[in-house]
PDB file of N, CA and C in Angstrom:
ATOM      1  N   UNK A   1      27.426 -63.160  26.480  1.00  0.00           N
ATOM      2  CA  UNK A   1      28.281 -62.952  25.323  1.00  0.00           C
ATOM      3  C   UNK A   1      27.483 -63.273  24.057  1.00  0.00           C
ATOM      4  N   UNK A   2      27.574 -62.399  23.101  1.00  0.00           N
ATOM      5  CA  UNK A   2      26.844 -62.568  21.848  1.00  0.00           C
ATOM      6  C   UNK A   2      27.478 -63.659  20.993  1.00  0.00           C
ATOM      7  N   UNK A   3      26.650 -64.298  20.216  1.00  0.00           N
ATOM      8  CA  UNK A   3      27.160 -65.313  19.291  1.00  0.00           C
ATOM      9  C   UNK A   3      27.791 -64.636  18.090  1.00  0.00           C
ATOM     10  N   UNK A   4      28.792 -65.248  17.537  1.00  0.00           N
ATOM     11  CA  UNK A   4      29.492 -64.659  16.396  1.00  0.00           C
ATOM     12  C   UNK A   4      29.733 -65.670  15.280  1.00  0.00           C
ATOM     13  N   UNK A   5      29.537 -66.962  15.557  1.00  0.00           N
ATOM     14  CA  UNK A   5      29.828 -67.983  14.551  1.00  0.00           C
ATOM     15  C   UNK A   5      28.964 -67.854  13.302  1.00  0.00           C
ATOM     16  N   UNK A   6      27.809 -67.226  13.445  1.00  0.00           N
ATOM     17  CA  UNK A   6      26.887 -67.090  12.323  1.00  0.00           C
ATOM     18  C   UNK A   6      27.270 -65.955  11.364  1.00  0.00           C
ATOM     19  N   UNK A   7      28.164 -65.083  11.787  1.00  0.00           N
ATOM     20  CA  UNK A   7      28.525 -63.926  10.965  1.00  0.00           C
ATOM     21  C   UNK A   7      29.361 -64.351   9.762  1.00  0.00           C
ATOM     22  N   UNK A   8      28.963 -63.948   8.565  1.00  0.00           N
ATOM     23  CA  UNK A   8      29.767 -64.286   7.376  1.00  0.00           C
ATOM     24  C   UNK A   8      31.192 -63.746   7.470  1.00  0.00           C
ATOM     25  N   UNK A   9      31.370 -62.559   8.049  1.00  0.00           N
ATOM     26  CA  UNK A   9      32.706 -61.987   8.168  1.00  0.00           C
ATOM     27  C   UNK A   9      33.564 -62.829   9.118  1.00  0.00           C
ATOM     28  N   UNK A  10      32.958 -63.366  10.168  1.00  0.00           N
ATOM     29  CA  UNK A  10      33.705 -64.219  11.089  1.00  0.00           C
ATOM     30  C   UNK A  10      34.121 -65.519  10.389  1.00  0.00           C
ATOM     31  N   UNK A  11      33.175 -66.130   9.679  1.00  0.00           N
ATOM     32  CA  UNK A  11      33.493 -67.393   8.984  1.00  0.00           C
ATOM     33  C   UNK A  11      34.594 -67.191   7.961  1.00  0.00           C
ATOM     34  N   UNK A  12      34.533 -66.099   7.224  1.00  0.00           N
ATOM     35  CA  UNK A  12      35.564 -65.803   6.222  1.00  0.00           C
ATOM     36  C   UNK A  12      36.914 -65.556   6.885  1.00  0.00           C
ATOM     37  N   UNK A  13      36.912 -64.808   7.978  1.00  0.00           N
ATOM     38  CA  UNK A  13      38.159 -64.534   8.694  1.00  0.00           C
ATOM     39  C   UNK A  13      38.733 -65.816   9.307  1.00  0.00           C
ATOM     40  N   UNK A  14      37.860 -66.672   9.807  1.00  0.00           N
ATOM     41  CA  UNK A  14      38.326 -67.940  10.379  1.00  0.00           C
ATOM     42  C   UNK A  14      38.949 -68.819   9.297  1.00  0.00           C
ATOM     43  N   UNK A  15      38.280 -68.915   8.162  1.00  0.00           N
ATOM     44  CA  UNK A  15      38.818 -69.706   7.049  1.00  0.00           C
ATOM     45  C   UNK A  15      40.167 -69.154   6.585  1.00  0.00           C
ATOM     46  N   UNK A  16      40.276 -67.839   6.533  1.00  0.00           N
ATOM     47  CA  UNK A  16      41.548 -67.220   6.149  1.00  0.00           C
ATOM     48  C   UNK A  16      42.633 -67.549   7.173  1.00  0.00           C
ATOM     49  N   UNK A  17      42.292 -67.497   8.449  1.00  0.00           N
ATOM     50  CA  UNK A  17      43.260 -67.798   9.504  1.00  0.00           C
ATOM     51  C   UNK A  17      43.773 -69.230   9.383  1.00  0.00           C
ATOM     52  N   UNK A  18      42.876 -70.175   9.152  1.00  0.00           N
ATOM     53  CA  UNK A  18      43.278 -71.575   8.970  1.00  0.00           C
ATOM     54  C   UNK A  18      44.159 -71.708   7.727  1.00  0.00           C
ATOM     55  N   UNK A  19      43.770 -71.034   6.658  1.00  0.00           N
ATOM     56  CA  UNK A  19      44.546 -71.082   5.410  1.00  0.00           C
ATOM     57  C   UNK A  19      45.957 -70.518   5.625  1.00  0.00           C
ATOM     58  N   UNK A  20      46.055 -69.416   6.340  1.00  0.00           N
ATOM     59  CA  UNK A  20      47.360 -68.800   6.624  1.00  0.00           C
ATOM     60  C   UNK A  20      48.219 -69.745   7.463  1.00  0.00           C
ATOM     61  N   UNK A  21      47.604 -70.412   8.441  1.00  0.00           N
ATOM     62  CA  UNK A  21      48.361 -71.375   9.255  1.00  0.00           C
ATOM     63  C   UNK A  21      48.987 -72.450   8.371  1.00  0.00           C
ATOM     64  N   UNK A  22      48.235 -72.927   7.392  1.00  0.00           N
ATOM     65  CA  UNK A  22      48.742 -73.961   6.484  1.00  0.00           C
ATOM     66  C   UNK A  22      49.838 -73.420   5.565  1.00  0.00           C
ATOM     67  N   UNK A  23      49.658 -72.202   5.107  1.00  0.00           N
ATOM     68  CA  UNK A  23      50.651 -71.600   4.217  1.00  0.00           C
ATOM     69  C   UNK A  23      51.968 -71.361   4.952  1.00  0.00           C
ATOM     70  N   UNK A  24      51.876 -70.807   6.160  1.00  0.00           N
ATOM     71  CA  UNK A  24      53.088 -70.480   6.916  1.00  0.00           C
ATOM     72  C   UNK A  24      53.877 -71.742   7.249  1.00  0.00           C
ATOM     73  N   UNK A  25      53.188 -72.846   7.420  1.00  0.00           N
ATOM     74  CA  UNK A  25      53.856 -74.112   7.690  1.00  0.00           C
ATOM     75  C   UNK A  25      54.879 -74.445   6.597  1.00  0.00           C
ATOM     76  N   UNK A  26      54.626 -73.986   5.372  1.00  0.00           N
ATOM     77  CA  UNK A  26      55.524 -74.270   4.245  1.00  0.00           C
ATOM     78  C   UNK A  26      56.519 -73.153   3.956  1.00  0.00           C
ATOM     79  N   UNK A  27      56.527 -72.099   4.766  1.00  0.00           N
ATOM     80  CA  UNK A  27      57.513 -71.036   4.590  1.00  0.00           C
ATOM     81  C   UNK A  27      58.903 -71.588   4.900  1.00  0.00           C
ATOM     82  N   UNK A  28      59.907 -70.978   4.315  1.00  0.00           N
ATOM     83  CA  UNK A  28      61.284 -71.324   4.686  1.00  0.00           C
ATOM     84  C   UNK A  28      61.505 -70.913   6.140  1.00  0.00           C
ATOM     85  N   UNK A  29      62.536 -71.467   6.757  1.00  0.00           N
ATOM     86  CA  UNK A  29      62.809 -71.153   8.162  1.00  0.00           C
ATOM     87  C   UNK A  29      62.964 -69.644   8.365  1.00  0.00           C
ATOM     88  N   UNK A  30      63.660 -69.006   7.459  1.00  0.00           N
ATOM     89  CA  UNK A  30      63.879 -67.559   7.572  1.00  0.00           C
ATOM     90  C   UNK A  30      62.554 -66.802   7.598  1.00  0.00           C
ATOM     91  N   UNK A  31      61.674 -67.107   6.670  1.00  0.00           N
ATOM     92  CA  UNK A  31      60.398 -66.399   6.585  1.00  0.00           C
ATOM     93  C   UNK A  31      59.394 -66.856   7.640  1.00  0.00           C
ATOM     94  N   UNK A  32      59.472 -68.115   8.039  1.00  0.00           N
ATOM     95  CA  UNK A  32      58.509 -68.660   8.996  1.00  0.00           C
ATOM     96  C   UNK A  32      58.542 -67.902  10.320  1.00  0.00           C
ATOM     97  N   UNK A  33      59.729 -67.561  10.782  1.00  0.00           N
ATOM     98  CA  UNK A  33      59.854 -66.957  12.100  1.00  0.00           C
ATOM     99  C   UNK A  33      59.889 -65.436  12.065  1.00  0.00           C
ATOM    100  N   UNK A  34      59.797 -64.862  10.916  1.00  0.00           N
ATOM    101  CA  UNK A  34      59.735 -63.403  10.812  1.00  0.00           C
ATOM    102  C   UNK A  34      58.372 -63.027  10.241  1.00  0.00           C
ATOM    103  N   UNK A  35      58.248 -63.075   8.939  1.00  0.00           N
ATOM    104  CA  UNK A  35      56.993 -62.704   8.286  1.00  0.00           C
ATOM    105  C   UNK A  35      55.851 -63.652   8.670  1.00  0.00           C
ATOM    106  N   UNK A  36      56.154 -64.934   8.762  1.00  0.00           N
ATOM    107  CA  UNK A  36      55.125 -65.921   9.088  1.00  0.00           C
ATOM    108  C   UNK A  36      54.498 -65.681  10.449  1.00  0.00           C
ATOM    109  N   UNK A  37      55.319 -65.354  11.430  1.00  0.00           N
ATOM    110  CA  UNK A  37      54.800 -65.066  12.771  1.00  0.00           C
ATOM    111  C   UNK A  37      53.896 -63.842  12.740  1.00  0.00           C
ATOM    112  N   UNK A  38      54.328 -62.799  12.053  1.00  0.00           N
ATOM    113  CA  UNK A  38      53.491 -61.598  11.934  1.00  0.00           C
ATOM    114  C   UNK A  38      52.173 -61.912  11.244  1.00  0.00           C
ATOM    115  N   UNK A  39      52.238 -62.685  10.177  1.00  0.00           N
ATOM    116  CA  UNK A  39      51.044 -63.036   9.417  1.00  0.00           C
ATOM    117  C   UNK A  39      50.060 -63.826  10.281  1.00  0.00           C
ATOM    118  N   UNK A  40      50.557 -64.799  10.998  1.00  0.00           N
ATOM    119  CA  UNK A  40      49.695 -65.609  11.868  1.00  0.00           C
ATOM    120  C   UNK A  40      49.076 -64.755  12.971  1.00  0.00           C
ATOM    121  N   UNK A  41      49.878 -63.909  13.601  1.00  0.00           N
ATOM    122  CA  UNK A  41      49.368 -63.067  14.685  1.00  0.00           C
ATOM    123  C   UNK A  41      48.327 -62.071  14.190  1.00  0.00           C
ATOM    124  N   UNK A  42      48.565 -61.484  13.033  1.00  0.00           N
ATOM    125  CA  UNK A  42      47.628 -60.481  12.505  1.00  0.00           C
ATOM    126  C   UNK A  42      46.292 -61.111  12.092  1.00  0.00           C
ATOM    127  N   UNK A  43      46.313 -62.317  11.535  1.00  0.00           N
ATOM    128  CA  UNK A  43      45.038 -62.943  11.165  1.00  0.00           C
ATOM    129  C   UNK A  43      44.245 -63.324  12.411  1.00  0.00           C
ATOM    130  N   UNK A  44      44.924 -63.777  13.449  1.00  0.00           N
ATOM    131  CA  UNK A  44      44.214 -64.084  14.696  1.00  0.00           C
ATOM    132  C   UNK A  44      43.683 -62.806  15.342  1.00  0.00           C
ATOM    133  N   UNK A  45      44.409 -61.719  15.212  1.00  0.00           N
ATOM    134  CA  UNK A  45      43.964 -60.444  15.751  1.00  0.00           C
ATOM    135  C   UNK A  45      42.702 -59.947  15.047  1.00  0.00           C
ATOM    136  N   UNK A  46      42.612 -60.190  13.751  1.00  0.00           N
ATOM    137  CA  UNK A  46      41.402 -59.829  12.996  1.00  0.00           C
ATOM    138  C   UNK A  46      40.201 -60.604  13.541  1.00  0.00           C
ATOM    139  N   UNK A  47      40.382 -61.895  13.803  1.00  0.00           N
ATOM    140  CA  UNK A  47      39.295 -62.696  14.388  1.00  0.00           C
ATOM    141  C   UNK A  47      38.860 -62.120  15.733  1.00  0.00           C
ATOM    142  N   UNK A  48      39.826 -61.785  16.565  1.00  0.00           N
ATOM    143  CA  UNK A  48      39.512 -61.222  17.878  1.00  0.00           C
ATOM    144  C   UNK A  48      38.741 -59.911  17.754  1.00  0.00           C
ATOM    145  N   UNK A  49      39.129 -59.077  16.811  1.00  0.00           N
ATOM    146  CA  UNK A  49      38.458 -57.789  16.622  1.00  0.00           C
ATOM    147  C   UNK A  49      37.005 -57.996  16.172  1.00  0.00           C
ATOM    148  N   UNK A  50      36.766 -58.975  15.325  1.00  0.00           N
ATOM    149  CA  UNK A  50      35.401 -59.259  14.854  1.00  0.00           C
ATOM    150  C   UNK A  50      34.537 -59.717  16.024  1.00  0.00           C
ATOM    151  N   UNK A  51      35.065 -60.611  16.847  1.00  0.00           N
ATOM    152  CA  UNK A  51      34.319 -61.085  18.014  1.00  0.00           C
ATOM    153  C   UNK A  51      34.021 -59.922  18.953  1.00  0.00           C
ATOM    154  N   UNK A  52      35.015 -59.096  19.186  1.00  0.00           N
ATOM    155  CA  UNK A  52      34.846 -57.947  20.066  1.00  0.00           C
ATOM    156  C   UNK A  52      33.794 -56.980  19.518  1.00  0.00           C
ATOM    157  N   UNK A  53      33.844 -56.710  18.228  1.00  0.00           N
ATOM    158  CA  UNK A  53      32.880 -55.786  17.616  1.00  0.00           C
ATOM    159  C   UNK A  53      31.463 -56.332  17.698  1.00  0.00           C
ATOM    160  N   UNK A  54      31.326 -57.629  17.603  1.00  0.00           N
ATOM    161  CA  UNK A  54      29.997 -58.227  17.671  1.00  0.00           C
ATOM    162  C   UNK A  54      29.409 -58.154  19.079  1.00  0.00           C
ATOM    163  N   UNK A  55      30.249 -57.992  20.081  1.00  0.00           N
ATOM    164  CA  UNK A  55      29.790 -58.018  21.471  1.00  0.00           C
ATOM    165  C   UNK A  55      29.478 -56.655  22.062  1.00  0.00           C
ATOM    166  N   UNK A  56      29.601 -55.585  21.282  1.00  0.00           N
ATOM    167  CA  UNK A  56      29.335 -54.249  21.820  1.00  0.00           C
ATOM    168  C   UNK A  56      28.245 -53.561  21.005  1.00  0.00           C
ATOM    169  N   UNK A  57      27.616 -52.589  21.624  1.00  0.00           N
ATOM    170  CA  UNK A  57      26.569 -51.831  20.947  1.00  0.00           C
ATOM    171  C   UNK A  57      27.165 -50.837  19.952  1.00  0.00           C
ATOM    172  N   UNK A  58      28.133 -50.046  20.417  1.00  0.00           N
ATOM    173  CA  UNK A  58      28.751 -49.049  19.557  1.00  0.00           C
ATOM    174  C   UNK A  58      30.042 -49.640  18.984  1.00  0.00           C
ATOM    175  N   UNK A  59      29.941 -50.193  17.798  1.00  0.00           N
ATOM    176  CA  UNK A  59      31.079 -50.926  17.230  1.00  0.00           C
ATOM    177  C   UNK A  59      31.827 -50.155  16.157  1.00  0.00           C
ATOM    178  N   UNK A  60      31.450 -48.914  15.912  1.00  0.00           N
ATOM    179  CA  UNK A  60      32.060 -48.149  14.825  1.00  0.00           C
ATOM    180  C   UNK A  60      33.573 -48.026  15.004  1.00  0.00           C
ATOM    181  N   UNK A  61      34.026 -47.670  16.204  1.00  0.00           N
ATOM    182  CA  UNK A  61      35.470 -47.507  16.409  1.00  0.00           C
ATOM    183  C   UNK A  61      36.206 -48.834  16.225  1.00  0.00           C
ATOM    184  N   UNK A  62      35.602 -49.934  16.635  1.00  0.00           N
ATOM    185  CA  UNK A  62      36.227 -51.242  16.441  1.00  0.00           C
ATOM    186  C   UNK A  62      36.293 -51.618  14.965  1.00  0.00           C
ATOM    187  N   UNK A  63      35.250 -51.281  14.227  1.00  0.00           N
ATOM    188  CA  UNK A  63      35.233 -51.596  12.798  1.00  0.00           C
ATOM    189  C   UNK A  63      36.223 -50.718  12.030  1.00  0.00           C
ATOM    190  N   UNK A  64      36.394 -49.481  12.487  1.00  0.00           N
ATOM    191  CA  UNK A  64      37.425 -48.639  11.878  1.00  0.00           C
ATOM    192  C   UNK A  64      38.814 -49.209  12.157  1.00  0.00           C
ATOM    193  N   UNK A  65      39.002 -49.721  13.359  1.00  0.00           N
ATOM    194  CA  UNK A  65      40.257 -50.389  13.694  1.00  0.00           C
ATOM    195  C   UNK A  65      40.461 -51.648  12.871  1.00  0.00           C
ATOM    196  N   UNK A  66      39.382 -52.376  12.626  1.00  0.00           N
ATOM    197  CA  UNK A  66      39.452 -53.575  11.792  1.00  0.00           C
ATOM    198  C   UNK A  66      39.840 -53.212  10.365  1.00  0.00           C
ATOM    199  N   UNK A  67      39.324 -52.099   9.883  1.00  0.00           N
ATOM    200  CA  UNK A  67      39.702 -51.617   8.547  1.00  0.00           C
ATOM    201  C   UNK A  67      41.212 -51.409   8.478  1.00  0.00           C
ATOM    202  N   UNK A  68      41.745 -50.777   9.504  1.00  0.00           N
ATOM    203  CA  UNK A  68      43.187 -50.522   9.581  1.00  0.00           C
ATOM    204  C   UNK A  68      43.976 -51.836   9.650  1.00  0.00           C
ATOM    205  N   UNK A  69      43.510 -52.779  10.450  1.00  0.00           N
ATOM    206  CA  UNK A  69      44.181 -54.073  10.562  1.00  0.00           C
ATOM    207  C   UNK A  69      44.187 -54.824   9.235  1.00  0.00           C
ATOM    208  N   UNK A  70      43.083 -54.778   8.520  1.00  0.00           N
ATOM    209  CA  UNK A  70      43.004 -55.473   7.235  1.00  0.00           C
ATOM    210  C   UNK A  70      43.952 -54.851   6.217  1.00  0.00           C
ATOM    211  N   UNK A  71      44.077 -53.535   6.241  1.00  0.00           N
ATOM    212  CA  UNK A  71      45.026 -52.872   5.339  1.00  0.00           C
ATOM    213  C   UNK A  71      46.462 -53.282   5.665  1.00  0.00           C
ATOM    214  N   UNK A  72      46.775 -53.324   6.948  1.00  0.00           N
ATOM    215  CA  UNK A  72      48.107 -53.769   7.358  1.00  0.00           C
ATOM    216  C   UNK A  72      48.373 -55.212   6.939  1.00  0.00           C
ATOM    217  N   UNK A  73      47.354 -56.039   7.050  1.00  0.00           N
ATOM    218  CA  UNK A  73      47.484 -57.439   6.658  1.00  0.00           C
ATOM    219  C   UNK A  73      47.695 -57.574   5.152  1.00  0.00           C
ATOM    220  N   UNK A  74      47.020 -56.727   4.375  1.00  0.00           N
ATOM    221  CA  UNK A  74      47.225 -56.732   2.922  1.00  0.00           C
ATOM    222  C   UNK A  74      48.668 -56.389   2.567  1.00  0.00           C
ATOM    223  N   UNK A  75      49.204 -55.382   3.245  1.00  0.00           N
ATOM    224  CA  UNK A  75      50.586 -54.974   2.990  1.00  0.00           C
ATOM    225  C   UNK A  75      51.547 -56.099   3.368  1.00  0.00           C
ATOM    226  N   UNK A  76      51.297 -56.738   4.493  1.00  0.00           N
ATOM    227  CA  UNK A  76      52.152 -57.836   4.933  1.00  0.00           C
ATOM    228  C   UNK A  76      52.098 -59.004   3.946  1.00  0.00           C
ATOM    229  N   UNK A  77      50.926 -59.316   3.441  1.00  0.00           N
ATOM    230  CA  UNK A  77      50.791 -60.398   2.453  1.00  0.00           C
ATOM    231  C   UNK A  77      51.534 -60.043   1.167  1.00  0.00           C
ATOM    232  N   UNK A  78      51.454 -58.796   0.771  1.00  0.00           N
ATOM    233  CA  UNK A  78      52.189 -58.360  -0.413  1.00  0.00           C
ATOM    234  C   UNK A  78      53.689 -58.493  -0.207  1.00  0.00           C
ATOM    235  N   UNK A  79      54.144 -58.129   0.988  1.00  0.00           N
ATOM    236  CA  UNK A  79      55.557 -58.272   1.321  1.00  0.00           C
ATOM    237  C   UNK A  79      55.972 -59.745   1.300  1.00  0.00           C
ATOM    238  N   UNK A  80      55.137 -60.606   1.829  1.00  0.00           N
ATOM    239  CA  UNK A  80      55.423 -62.049   1.794  1.00  0.00           C
ATOM    240  C   UNK A  80      55.539 -62.536   0.352  1.00  0.00           C
ATOM    241  N   UNK A  81      54.644 -62.087  -0.484  1.00  0.00           N
ATOM    242  CA  UNK A  81      54.681 -62.491  -1.892  1.00  0.00           C
ATOM    243  C   UNK A  81      55.941 -61.973  -2.577  1.00  0.00           C
ATOM    244  N   UNK A  82      56.207 -60.694  -2.409  1.00  0.00           N
ATOM    245  CA  UNK A  82      57.351 -60.079  -3.091  1.00  0.00           C
ATOM    246  C   UNK A  82      58.690 -60.616  -2.604  1.00  0.00           C
ATOM    247  N   UNK A  83      58.733 -61.096  -1.364  1.00  0.00           N
ATOM    248  CA  UNK A  83      59.987 -61.641  -0.832  1.00  0.00           C
ATOM    249  C   UNK A  83      60.124 -63.139  -1.094  1.00  0.00           C
ATOM    250  N   UNK A  84      59.106 -63.740  -1.699  1.00  0.00           N
ATOM    251  CA  UNK A  84      59.182 -65.160  -2.048  1.00  0.00           C
ATOM    252  C   UNK A  84      58.802 -66.106  -0.931  1.00  0.00           C
ATOM    253  N   UNK A  85      58.112 -65.610   0.080  1.00  0.00           N
ATOM    254  CA  UNK A  85      57.742 -66.473   1.209  1.00  0.00           C
ATOM    255  C   UNK A  85      56.644 -67.467   0.850  1.00  0.00           C
ATOM    256  N   UNK A  86      55.691 -67.063   0.025  1.00  0.00           N
ATOM    257  CA  UNK A  86      54.602 -67.969  -0.360  1.00  0.00           C
ATOM    258  C   UNK A  86      55.154 -69.068  -1.254  1.00  0.00           C
ATOM    259  N   UNK A  87      55.061 -70.301  -0.773  1.00  0.00           N
ATOM    260  CA  UNK A  87      55.603 -71.415  -1.556  1.00  0.00           C
ATOM    261  C   UNK A  87      54.755 -71.696  -2.792  1.00  0.00           C
ATOM    262  N   UNK A  88      53.492 -71.324  -2.742  1.00  0.00           N
ATOM    263  CA  UNK A  88      52.609 -71.537  -3.882  1.00  0.00           C
ATOM    264  C   UNK A  88      52.715 -70.452  -4.930  1.00  0.00           C
ATOM    265  N   UNK A  89      53.586 -69.482  -4.705  1.00  0.00           N
ATOM    266  CA  UNK A  89      53.794 -68.409  -5.659  1.00  0.00           C
ATOM    267  C   UNK A  89      52.617 -67.474  -5.766  1.00  0.00           C
ATOM    268  N   UNK A  90      52.418 -66.980  -6.974  1.00  0.00           N
ATOM    269  CA  UNK A  90      51.382 -65.986  -7.219  1.00  0.00           C
ATOM    270  C   UNK A  90      49.984 -66.533  -6.963  1.00  0.00           C
ATOM    271  N   UNK A  91      49.746 -67.779  -7.290  1.00  0.00           N
ATOM    272  CA  UNK A  91      48.422 -68.369  -7.085  1.00  0.00           C
ATOM    273  C   UNK A  91      48.036 -68.338  -5.608  1.00  0.00           C
ATOM    274  N   UNK A  92      48.963 -68.700  -4.754  1.00  0.00           N
ATOM    275  CA  UNK A  92      48.713 -68.690  -3.314  1.00  0.00           C
ATOM    276  C   UNK A  92      48.463 -67.273  -2.815  1.00  0.00           C
ATOM    277  N   UNK A  93      49.264 -66.338  -3.289  1.00  0.00           N
ATOM    278  CA  UNK A  93      49.097 -64.946  -2.891  1.00  0.00           C
ATOM    279  C   UNK A  93      47.743 -64.402  -3.356  1.00  0.00           C
ATOM    280  N   UNK A  94      47.369 -64.686  -4.588  1.00  0.00           N
ATOM    281  CA  UNK A  94      46.095 -64.183  -5.113  1.00  0.00           C
ATOM    282  C   UNK A  94      44.912 -64.707  -4.310  1.00  0.00           C
ATOM    283  N   UNK A  95      44.986 -65.967  -3.901  1.00  0.00           N
ATOM    284  CA  UNK A  95      43.913 -66.542  -3.090  1.00  0.00           C
ATOM    285  C   UNK A  95      43.766 -65.778  -1.771  1.00  0.00           C
ATOM    286  N   UNK A  96      44.873 -65.510  -1.111  1.00  0.00           N
ATOM    287  CA  UNK A  96      44.841 -64.770   0.149  1.00  0.00           C
ATOM    288  C   UNK A  96      44.370 -63.336  -0.091  1.00  0.00           C
ATOM    289  N   UNK A  97      44.854 -62.704  -1.147  1.00  0.00           N
ATOM    290  CA  UNK A  97      44.459 -61.328  -1.457  1.00  0.00           C
ATOM    291  C   UNK A  97      42.959 -61.225  -1.725  1.00  0.00           C
ATOM    292  N   UNK A  98      42.397 -62.201  -2.427  1.00  0.00           N
ATOM    293  CA  UNK A  98      40.955 -62.202  -2.696  1.00  0.00           C
ATOM    294  C   UNK A  98      40.162 -62.331  -1.400  1.00  0.00           C
ATOM    295  N   UNK A  99      40.618 -63.190  -0.517  1.00  0.00           N
ATOM    296  CA  UNK A  99      39.930 -63.357   0.769  1.00  0.00           C
ATOM    297  C   UNK A  99      40.011 -62.075   1.602  1.00  0.00           C
ATOM    298  N   UNK A 100      41.159 -61.440   1.581  1.00  0.00           N
ATOM    299  CA  UNK A 100      41.303 -60.184   2.325  1.00  0.00           C
ATOM    300  C   UNK A 100      40.412 -59.087   1.745  1.00  0.00           C
ATOM    301  N   UNK A 101      40.310 -59.048   0.438  1.00  0.00           N
ATOM    302  CA  UNK A 101      39.428 -58.065  -0.205  1.00  0.00           C
ATOM    303  C   UNK A 101      37.975 -58.322   0.189  1.00  0.00           C
ATOM    304  N   UNK A 102      37.581 -59.585   0.211  1.00  0.00           N
ATOM    305  CA  UNK A 102      36.224 -59.941   0.643  1.00  0.00           C
ATOM    306  C   UNK A 102      35.963 -59.533   2.081  1.00  0.00           C
ATOM    307  N   UNK A 103      36.942 -59.763   2.951  1.00  0.00           N
ATOM    308  CA  UNK A 103      36.798 -59.349   4.347  1.00  0.00           C
ATOM    309  C   UNK A 103      36.665 -57.833   4.460  1.00  0.00           C
ATOM    310  N   UNK A 104      37.472 -57.116   3.708  1.00  0.00           N
ATOM    311  CA  UNK A 104      37.412 -55.654   3.741  1.00  0.00           C
ATOM    312  C   UNK A 104      36.047 -55.159   3.269  1.00  0.00           C
ATOM    313  N   UNK A 105      35.495 -55.784   2.243  1.00  0.00           N
ATOM    314  CA  UNK A 105      34.179 -55.388   1.747  1.00  0.00           C
ATOM    315  C   UNK A 105      33.095 -55.672   2.782  1.00  0.00           C
ATOM    316  N   UNK A 106      33.178 -56.823   3.429  1.00  0.00           N
ATOM    317  CA  UNK A 106      32.196 -57.139   4.469  1.00  0.00           C
ATOM    318  C   UNK A 106      32.309 -56.178   5.642  1.00  0.00           C
ATOM    319  N   UNK A 107      33.539 -55.824   5.993  1.00  0.00           N
ATOM    320  CA  UNK A 107      33.737 -54.871   7.077  1.00  0.00           C
ATOM    321  C   UNK A 107      33.136 -53.516   6.720  1.00  0.00           C
ATOM    322  N   UNK A 108      33.334 -53.081   5.491  1.00  0.00           N
ATOM    323  CA  UNK A 108      32.765 -51.795   5.068  1.00  0.00           C
ATOM    324  C   UNK A 108      31.241 -51.824   5.126  1.00  0.00           C
ATOM    325  N   UNK A 109      30.649 -52.938   4.719  1.00  0.00           N
ATOM    326  CA  UNK A 109      29.194 -53.065   4.809  1.00  0.00           C
ATOM    327  C   UNK A 109      28.713 -53.007   6.246  1.00  0.00           C
ATOM    328  N   UNK A 110      29.401 -53.706   7.125  1.00  0.00           N
ATOM    329  CA  UNK A 110      29.056 -53.717   8.542  1.00  0.00           C
ATOM    330  C   UNK A 110      29.229 -52.326   9.129  1.00  0.00           C
ATOM    331  N   UNK A 111      30.273 -51.635   8.707  1.00  0.00           N
ATOM    332  CA  UNK A 111      30.531 -50.282   9.185  1.00  0.00           C
ATOM    333  C   UNK A 111      29.417 -49.332   8.738  1.00  0.00           C
ATOM    334  N   UNK A 112      29.011 -49.436   7.485  1.00  0.00           N
ATOM    335  CA  UNK A 112      27.934 -48.562   6.971  1.00  0.00           C
ATOM    336  C   UNK A 112      26.634 -48.796   7.724  1.00  0.00           C
ATOM    337  N   UNK A 113      26.360 -50.043   8.104  1.00  0.00           N
ATOM    338  CA  UNK A 113      25.154 -50.338   8.871  1.00  0.00           C
ATOM    339  C   UNK A 113      25.178 -49.671  10.238  1.00  0.00           C
ATOM    340  N   UNK A 114      26.361 -49.467  10.786  1.00  0.00           N
ATOM    341  CA  UNK A 114      26.485 -48.980  12.159  1.00  0.00           C
ATOM    342  C   UNK A 114      26.793 -47.494  12.281  1.00  0.00           C
ATOM    343  N   UNK A 115      27.157 -46.849  11.200  1.00  0.00           N
ATOM    344  CA  UNK A 115      27.436 -45.403  11.264  1.00  0.00           C
ATOM    345  C   UNK A 115      26.101 -44.700  11.512  1.00  0.00           C
ATOM    346  N   UNK A 116      26.114 -43.815  12.471  1.00  0.00           N
ATOM    347  CA  UNK A 116      24.897 -43.057  12.783  1.00  0.00           C
ATOM    348  C   UNK A 116      24.039 -43.687  13.855  1.00  0.00           C
ATOM    349  N   UNK A 117      24.316 -44.958  14.187  1.00  0.00           N
ATOM    350  CA  UNK A 117      23.556 -45.586  15.260  1.00  0.00           C
ATOM    351  C   UNK A 117      24.017 -45.048  16.605  1.00  0.00           C
ATOM    352  N   UNK A 118      23.085 -44.831  17.465  1.00  0.00           N
ATOM    353  CA  UNK A 118      23.409 -44.397  18.833  1.00  0.00           C
ATOM    354  C   UNK A 118      23.442 -45.645  19.694  1.00  0.00           C
ATOM    355  N   UNK A 119      24.369 -45.648  20.662  1.00  0.00           N
ATOM    356  CA  UNK A 119      24.372 -46.805  21.539  1.00  0.00           C
ATOM    357  C   UNK A 119      25.423 -46.814  22.477  1.00  0.00           C
TER     358      UNK A 119
END
């Protein structure tokens, strides 16, 4: 199994996952078990996809899937913000949005490196 802890995209995704766990802890009961559960599951799924992509030769399809997952996560975070789930308000949402944008940019870079590679 290939190592993945050294990847900047993995470290960023892991930090985001930990941050989301802390944020969801402060959601109201209503949001915690609906939006919060989705948010927690989707961030962990992003981590799993990164590990999986790092372990295969032809990772383009996985990275395209990761692109899709990150977009879905952005929409979910926006929904959490607009519905008032983030207890930290706009500041908390902006922090998460910036991290997601960084992850998306890293994914695009990784994808560009792998497009055209045979394997």
